[in-house]
Amino acid sequence: MVSTMKTAKFAIGQVVRHRLFPFRGIIFDVDPQFANTDEWYEAIPADVRPRKDQPFYHLLAENSDTEYIAYVSEQNLLADQSGEPVRHPQIKEMFDKRPDGRYEPKRQLKH
């Protein structure tokens, strides 16, 4: 059996936004395919449930009300072009902000 591994479209430290819902965040980890629970997957309404055979991203996410951790399929993400900083409180633990506005993983977190 030949397995094809899809290359992730987005990078760790990149700011992205959700295609359908009003939130955005910084990517801090990537799974090459779905790696969460079946219960979590089945809780997504069938009409917007993403395929499992694509990269899934862990985000330090925010919306207008709060900050949280999100797990989002690649098909539901777009690059965030706003240039606005993300306000999640865990950013300083994981990333250094570069002068150009990008987020770089802290040295001790790099693989």
N, C-alpha and C. Protein backbone atom coordinates (compact mmCIF):
# COMPACT_ATOMS: atom_id res chain seq x y z
N MET A 1 0.85 -1.18 0.00
CA MET A 1 0.00 0.00 0.00
C MET A 1 0.89 1.24 0.00
N VAL A 2 0.62 2.16 -0.88
CA VAL A 2 1.38 3.40 -0.97
C VAL A 2 0.60 4.50 -0.28
N SER A 3 1.26 5.18 0.63
CA SER A 3 0.63 6.29 1.34
C SER A 3 1.21 7.60 0.81
N THR A 4 0.34 8.52 0.48
CA THR A 4 0.82 9.82 0.02
C THR A 4 0.63 10.83 1.13
N MET A 5 1.70 11.49 1.48
CA MET A 5 1.67 12.49 2.54
C MET A 5 1.53 13.86 1.89
N LYS A 6 0.49 14.58 2.29
CA LYS A 6 0.27 15.91 1.75
C LYS A 6 1.14 16.92 2.50
N THR A 7 1.74 17.81 1.78
CA THR A 7 2.56 18.86 2.38
C THR A 7 1.65 19.96 2.92
N ALA A 8 1.95 20.42 4.12
CA ALA A 8 1.15 21.48 4.74
C ALA A 8 1.29 22.78 3.96
N LYS A 9 0.17 23.44 3.75
CA LYS A 9 0.14 24.71 3.01
C LYS A 9 0.60 25.88 3.88
N PHE A 10 0.34 25.79 5.18
CA PHE A 10 0.65 26.87 6.12
C PHE A 10 1.78 26.43 7.06
N ALA A 11 2.50 27.40 7.61
CA ALA A 11 3.68 27.12 8.43
C ALA A 11 3.44 27.46 9.90
N ILE A 12 4.20 26.80 10.77
CA ILE A 12 4.17 27.15 12.19
C ILE A 12 4.61 28.60 12.33
N GLY A 13 3.85 29.37 13.11
CA GLY A 13 4.11 30.79 13.28
C GLY A 13 3.31 31.68 12.35
N GLN A 14 2.66 31.09 11.37
CA GLN A 14 1.88 31.88 10.41
C GLN A 14 0.52 32.24 11.01
N VAL A 15 0.06 33.46 10.73
CA VAL A 15 -1.26 33.91 11.17
C VAL A 15 -2.26 33.55 10.08
N VAL A 16 -3.33 32.87 10.49
CA VAL A 16 -4.37 32.43 9.56
C VAL A 16 -5.73 32.81 10.11
N ARG A 17 -6.73 32.75 9.24
CA ARG A 17 -8.10 32.97 9.69
C ARG A 17 -8.98 31.85 9.15
N HIS A 18 -10.11 31.63 9.81
CA HIS A 18 -11.03 30.58 9.39
C HIS A 18 -11.82 31.07 8.18
N ARG A 19 -12.03 30.18 7.26
CA ARG A 19 -12.76 30.50 6.02
C ARG A 19 -14.23 30.81 6.29
N LEU A 20 -14.85 30.14 7.27
CA LEU A 20 -16.28 30.28 7.50
C LEU A 20 -16.65 31.04 8.77
N PHE A 21 -15.84 30.91 9.80
CA PHE A 21 -16.19 31.48 11.10
C PHE A 21 -15.25 32.63 11.47
N PRO A 22 -15.73 33.58 12.28
CA PRO A 22 -14.95 34.79 12.56
C PRO A 22 -13.89 34.60 13.65
N PHE A 23 -12.85 33.83 13.33
CA PHE A 23 -11.71 33.75 14.23
C PHE A 23 -10.43 33.58 13.44
N ARG A 24 -9.34 33.88 14.11
CA ARG A 24 -8.02 33.75 13.49
C ARG A 24 -7.03 33.33 14.57
N GLY A 25 -5.81 33.01 14.17
CA GLY A 25 -4.83 32.61 15.16
C GLY A 25 -3.48 32.31 14.55
N ILE A 26 -2.55 31.93 15.42
CA ILE A 26 -1.19 31.58 15.02
C ILE A 26 -1.06 30.06 15.08
N ILE A 27 -0.53 29.48 14.03
CA ILE A 27 -0.31 28.03 14.00
C ILE A 27 0.86 27.67 14.91
N PHE A 28 0.62 26.70 15.84
CA PHE A 28 1.72 26.26 16.70
C PHE A 28 2.05 24.78 16.52
N ASP A 29 1.23 24.05 15.76
CA ASP A 29 1.53 22.65 15.47
C ASP A 29 0.69 22.23 14.27
N VAL A 30 1.16 21.17 13.58
CA VAL A 30 0.46 20.66 12.40
C VAL A 30 0.43 19.14 12.46
N ASP A 31 -0.74 18.57 12.22
CA ASP A 31 -0.88 17.12 12.04
C ASP A 31 -1.02 16.85 10.55
N PRO A 32 -0.30 15.87 9.99
CA PRO A 32 -0.38 15.62 8.55
C PRO A 32 -1.77 15.17 8.09
N GLN A 33 -2.54 14.61 9.02
CA GLN A 33 -3.94 14.28 8.76
C GLN A 33 -4.68 14.34 10.09
N PHE A 34 -5.99 14.21 10.06
CA PHE A 34 -6.80 14.32 11.27
C PHE A 34 -6.26 13.42 12.38
N ALA A 35 -6.08 13.98 13.57
CA ALA A 35 -5.54 13.22 14.71
C ALA A 35 -6.24 13.63 16.01
N ASN A 36 -7.54 13.80 15.94
CA ASN A 36 -8.32 14.12 17.12
C ASN A 36 -9.29 12.96 17.35
N THR A 37 -10.23 13.10 18.27
CA THR A 37 -11.14 12.01 18.57
C THR A 37 -12.29 11.93 17.57
N ASP A 38 -12.86 10.74 17.44
CA ASP A 38 -14.04 10.58 16.58
C ASP A 38 -15.20 11.41 17.12
N GLU A 39 -15.30 11.49 18.44
CA GLU A 39 -16.35 12.29 19.07
C GLU A 39 -16.24 13.76 18.63
N TRP A 40 -15.02 14.30 18.64
CA TRP A 40 -14.80 15.68 18.21
C TRP A 40 -15.22 15.84 16.76
N TYR A 41 -14.81 14.91 15.92
CA TYR A 41 -15.10 14.97 14.48
C TYR A 41 -16.60 14.90 14.22
N GLU A 42 -17.28 13.99 14.89
CA GLU A 42 -18.73 13.81 14.68
C GLU A 42 -19.54 14.99 15.20
N ALA A 43 -18.96 15.80 16.10
CA ALA A 43 -19.66 16.97 16.62
C ALA A 43 -19.74 18.10 15.60
N ILE A 44 -18.94 18.02 14.55
CA ILE A 44 -18.97 19.03 13.49
C ILE A 44 -20.19 18.76 12.61
N PRO A 45 -21.02 19.76 12.34
CA PRO A 45 -22.19 19.52 11.47
C PRO A 45 -21.76 18.91 10.14
N ALA A 46 -22.48 17.90 9.70
CA ALA A 46 -22.12 17.14 8.50
C ALA A 46 -21.93 18.02 7.27
N ASP A 47 -22.71 19.08 7.15
CA ASP A 47 -22.61 19.92 5.94
C ASP A 47 -21.33 20.75 5.88
N VAL A 48 -20.61 20.87 7.00
CA VAL A 48 -19.33 21.60 6.99
C VAL A 48 -18.17 20.74 7.51
N ARG A 49 -18.42 19.45 7.71
CA ARG A 49 -17.39 18.55 8.23
C ARG A 49 -16.28 18.37 7.20
N PRO A 50 -15.03 18.64 7.58
CA PRO A 50 -13.92 18.53 6.62
C PRO A 50 -13.47 17.09 6.42
N ARG A 51 -12.76 16.86 5.33
CA ARG A 51 -12.14 15.56 5.08
C ARG A 51 -11.06 15.32 6.14
N LYS A 52 -10.81 14.06 6.47
CA LYS A 52 -9.76 13.73 7.44
C LYS A 52 -8.38 13.62 6.80
N ASP A 53 -8.33 13.44 5.48
CA ASP A 53 -7.06 13.17 4.79
C ASP A 53 -6.36 14.44 4.32
N GLN A 54 -6.21 15.38 5.22
CA GLN A 54 -5.54 16.65 4.91
C GLN A 54 -4.88 17.14 6.20
N PRO A 55 -3.95 18.06 6.10
CA PRO A 55 -3.34 18.60 7.32
C PRO A 55 -4.38 19.29 8.21
N PHE A 56 -4.19 19.14 9.51
CA PHE A 56 -5.00 19.83 10.52
C PHE A 56 -4.04 20.65 11.37
N TYR A 57 -4.45 21.85 11.71
CA TYR A 57 -3.58 22.82 12.38
C TYR A 57 -4.08 23.13 13.79
N HIS A 58 -3.13 23.24 14.71
CA HIS A 58 -3.41 23.66 16.08
C HIS A 58 -3.13 25.17 16.13
N LEU A 59 -4.11 25.93 16.57
CA LEU A 59 -3.98 27.39 16.58
C LEU A 59 -4.10 27.98 17.99
N LEU A 60 -3.31 29.01 18.25
CA LEU A 60 -3.58 29.91 19.36
C LEU A 60 -4.58 30.89 18.77
N ALA A 61 -5.86 30.66 19.05
CA ALA A 61 -6.93 31.36 18.33
C ALA A 61 -7.56 32.46 19.17
N GLU A 62 -8.22 33.37 18.45
CA GLU A 62 -8.96 34.46 19.08
C GLU A 62 -10.15 34.82 18.21
N ASN A 63 -11.21 35.26 18.90
CA ASN A 63 -12.32 35.90 18.19
C ASN A 63 -12.56 37.22 18.91
N SER A 64 -13.66 37.87 18.65
CA SER A 64 -13.88 39.19 19.26
C SER A 64 -14.11 39.11 20.77
N ASP A 65 -14.42 37.91 21.30
CA ASP A 65 -14.73 37.77 22.71
C ASP A 65 -13.65 37.14 23.57
N THR A 66 -12.88 36.20 23.01
CA THR A 66 -11.99 35.41 23.85
C THR A 66 -10.82 34.81 23.06
N GLU A 67 -9.91 34.19 23.80
CA GLU A 67 -8.78 33.48 23.21
C GLU A 67 -8.91 32.01 23.60
N TYR A 68 -8.48 31.12 22.73
CA TYR A 68 -8.62 29.68 22.98
C TYR A 68 -7.71 28.91 22.03
N ILE A 69 -7.68 27.58 22.17
CA ILE A 69 -6.95 26.70 21.27
C ILE A 69 -7.95 26.13 20.27
N ALA A 70 -7.61 26.17 19.00
CA ALA A 70 -8.49 25.63 17.96
C ALA A 70 -7.76 24.55 17.16
N TYR A 71 -8.53 23.64 16.58
CA TYR A 71 -8.00 22.56 15.73
C TYR A 71 -8.77 22.66 14.42
N VAL A 72 -8.09 23.01 13.33
CA VAL A 72 -8.78 23.38 12.10
C VAL A 72 -8.16 22.68 10.89
N SER A 73 -9.02 22.22 9.99
CA SER A 73 -8.56 21.59 8.75
C SER A 73 -7.98 22.62 7.80
N GLU A 74 -7.06 22.17 6.97
CA GLU A 74 -6.43 23.07 6.00
C GLU A 74 -7.46 23.72 5.07
N GLN A 75 -8.48 22.95 4.65
CA GLN A 75 -9.46 23.49 3.71
C GLN A 75 -10.24 24.66 4.29
N ASN A 76 -10.24 24.80 5.61
CA ASN A 76 -10.99 25.88 6.26
C ASN A 76 -10.13 27.05 6.71
N LEU A 77 -8.88 27.09 6.26
CA LEU A 77 -8.00 28.19 6.64
C LEU A 77 -7.58 29.03 5.45
N LEU A 78 -7.39 30.31 5.71
CA LEU A 78 -6.85 31.26 4.74
C LEU A 78 -5.74 32.04 5.44
N ALA A 79 -4.75 32.47 4.70
CA ALA A 79 -3.72 33.33 5.28
C ALA A 79 -4.36 34.64 5.73
N ASP A 80 -4.01 35.11 6.91
CA ASP A 80 -4.53 36.38 7.42
C ASP A 80 -3.62 37.49 6.92
N GLN A 81 -4.19 38.41 6.18
CA GLN A 81 -3.42 39.51 5.59
C GLN A 81 -3.62 40.83 6.33
N SER A 82 -4.28 40.79 7.49
CA SER A 82 -4.62 42.04 8.18
C SER A 82 -3.40 42.77 8.75
N GLY A 83 -2.37 42.03 9.11
CA GLY A 83 -1.21 42.66 9.74
C GLY A 83 -1.42 42.98 11.21
N GLU A 84 -2.61 42.71 11.72
CA GLU A 84 -2.92 42.97 13.12
C GLU A 84 -2.28 41.90 14.01
N PRO A 85 -1.74 42.29 15.18
CA PRO A 85 -1.16 41.28 16.08
C PRO A 85 -2.26 40.40 16.67
N VAL A 86 -1.89 39.18 17.01
CA VAL A 86 -2.81 38.26 17.68
C VAL A 86 -2.60 38.45 19.18
N ARG A 87 -3.68 38.44 19.96
CA ARG A 87 -3.58 38.80 21.38
C ARG A 87 -3.59 37.60 22.33
N HIS A 88 -3.50 36.39 21.84
CA HIS A 88 -3.56 35.19 22.69
C HIS A 88 -2.48 35.24 23.77
N PRO A 89 -2.83 34.95 25.05
CA PRO A 89 -1.86 35.06 26.14
C PRO A 89 -0.70 34.06 26.08
N GLN A 90 -0.82 32.97 25.34
CA GLN A 90 0.25 31.98 25.27
C GLN A 90 1.29 32.26 24.19
N ILE A 91 1.09 33.30 23.42
CA ILE A 91 2.03 33.62 22.34
C ILE A 91 3.45 33.78 22.87
N LYS A 92 3.60 34.53 23.96
CA LYS A 92 4.94 34.82 24.49
C LYS A 92 5.66 33.56 24.96
N GLU A 93 4.92 32.50 25.32
CA GLU A 93 5.53 31.24 25.73
C GLU A 93 6.11 30.49 24.54
N MET A 94 5.51 30.65 23.37
CA MET A 94 5.87 29.83 22.21
C MET A 94 6.60 30.57 21.10
N PHE A 95 6.39 31.88 20.99
CA PHE A 95 6.90 32.62 19.84
C PHE A 95 7.60 33.91 20.22
N ASP A 96 8.54 34.30 19.37
CA ASP A 96 9.12 35.64 19.40
C ASP A 96 8.54 36.38 18.20
N LYS A 97 8.18 37.64 18.41
CA LYS A 97 7.65 38.43 17.30
C LYS A 97 8.79 39.14 16.61
N ARG A 98 8.88 38.96 15.31
CA ARG A 98 9.94 39.58 14.52
C ARG A 98 9.55 41.01 14.15
N PRO A 99 10.53 41.84 13.81
CA PRO A 99 10.24 43.23 13.42
C PRO A 99 9.28 43.32 12.23
N ASP A 100 9.29 42.32 11.35
CA ASP A 100 8.39 42.35 10.19
C ASP A 100 6.98 41.88 10.52
N GLY A 101 6.71 41.59 11.82
CA GLY A 101 5.38 41.20 12.24
C GLY A 101 5.13 39.70 12.27
N ARG A 102 6.06 38.91 11.72
CA ARG A 102 5.89 37.46 11.73
C ARG A 102 6.23 36.90 13.11
N TYR A 103 5.74 35.70 13.37
CA TYR A 103 6.01 35.02 14.63
C TYR A 103 6.96 33.86 14.37
N GLU A 104 8.03 33.80 15.17
CA GLU A 104 9.02 32.74 15.01
C GLU A 104 9.02 31.88 16.28
N PRO A 105 8.97 30.54 16.13
CA PRO A 105 9.00 29.68 17.32
C PRO A 105 10.24 29.97 18.16
N LYS A 106 10.06 29.98 19.48
CA LYS A 106 11.21 30.18 20.36
C LYS A 106 12.19 29.04 20.15
N ARG A 107 13.44 29.33 20.31
CA ARG A 107 14.52 28.37 20.03
C ARG A 107 14.29 27.02 20.72
N GLN A 108 13.90 27.01 21.99
CA GLN A 108 13.75 25.76 22.71
C GLN A 108 12.58 24.92 22.20
N LEU A 109 11.69 25.50 21.42
CA LEU A 109 10.54 24.77 20.89
C LEU A 109 10.77 24.21 19.50
N LYS A 110 11.80 24.67 18.83
CA LYS A 110 12.07 24.20 17.47
C LYS A 110 12.52 22.75 17.51
N HIS A 111 12.11 21.98 16.50
CA HIS A 111 12.50 20.56 16.43
C HIS A 111 13.88 20.42 15.88
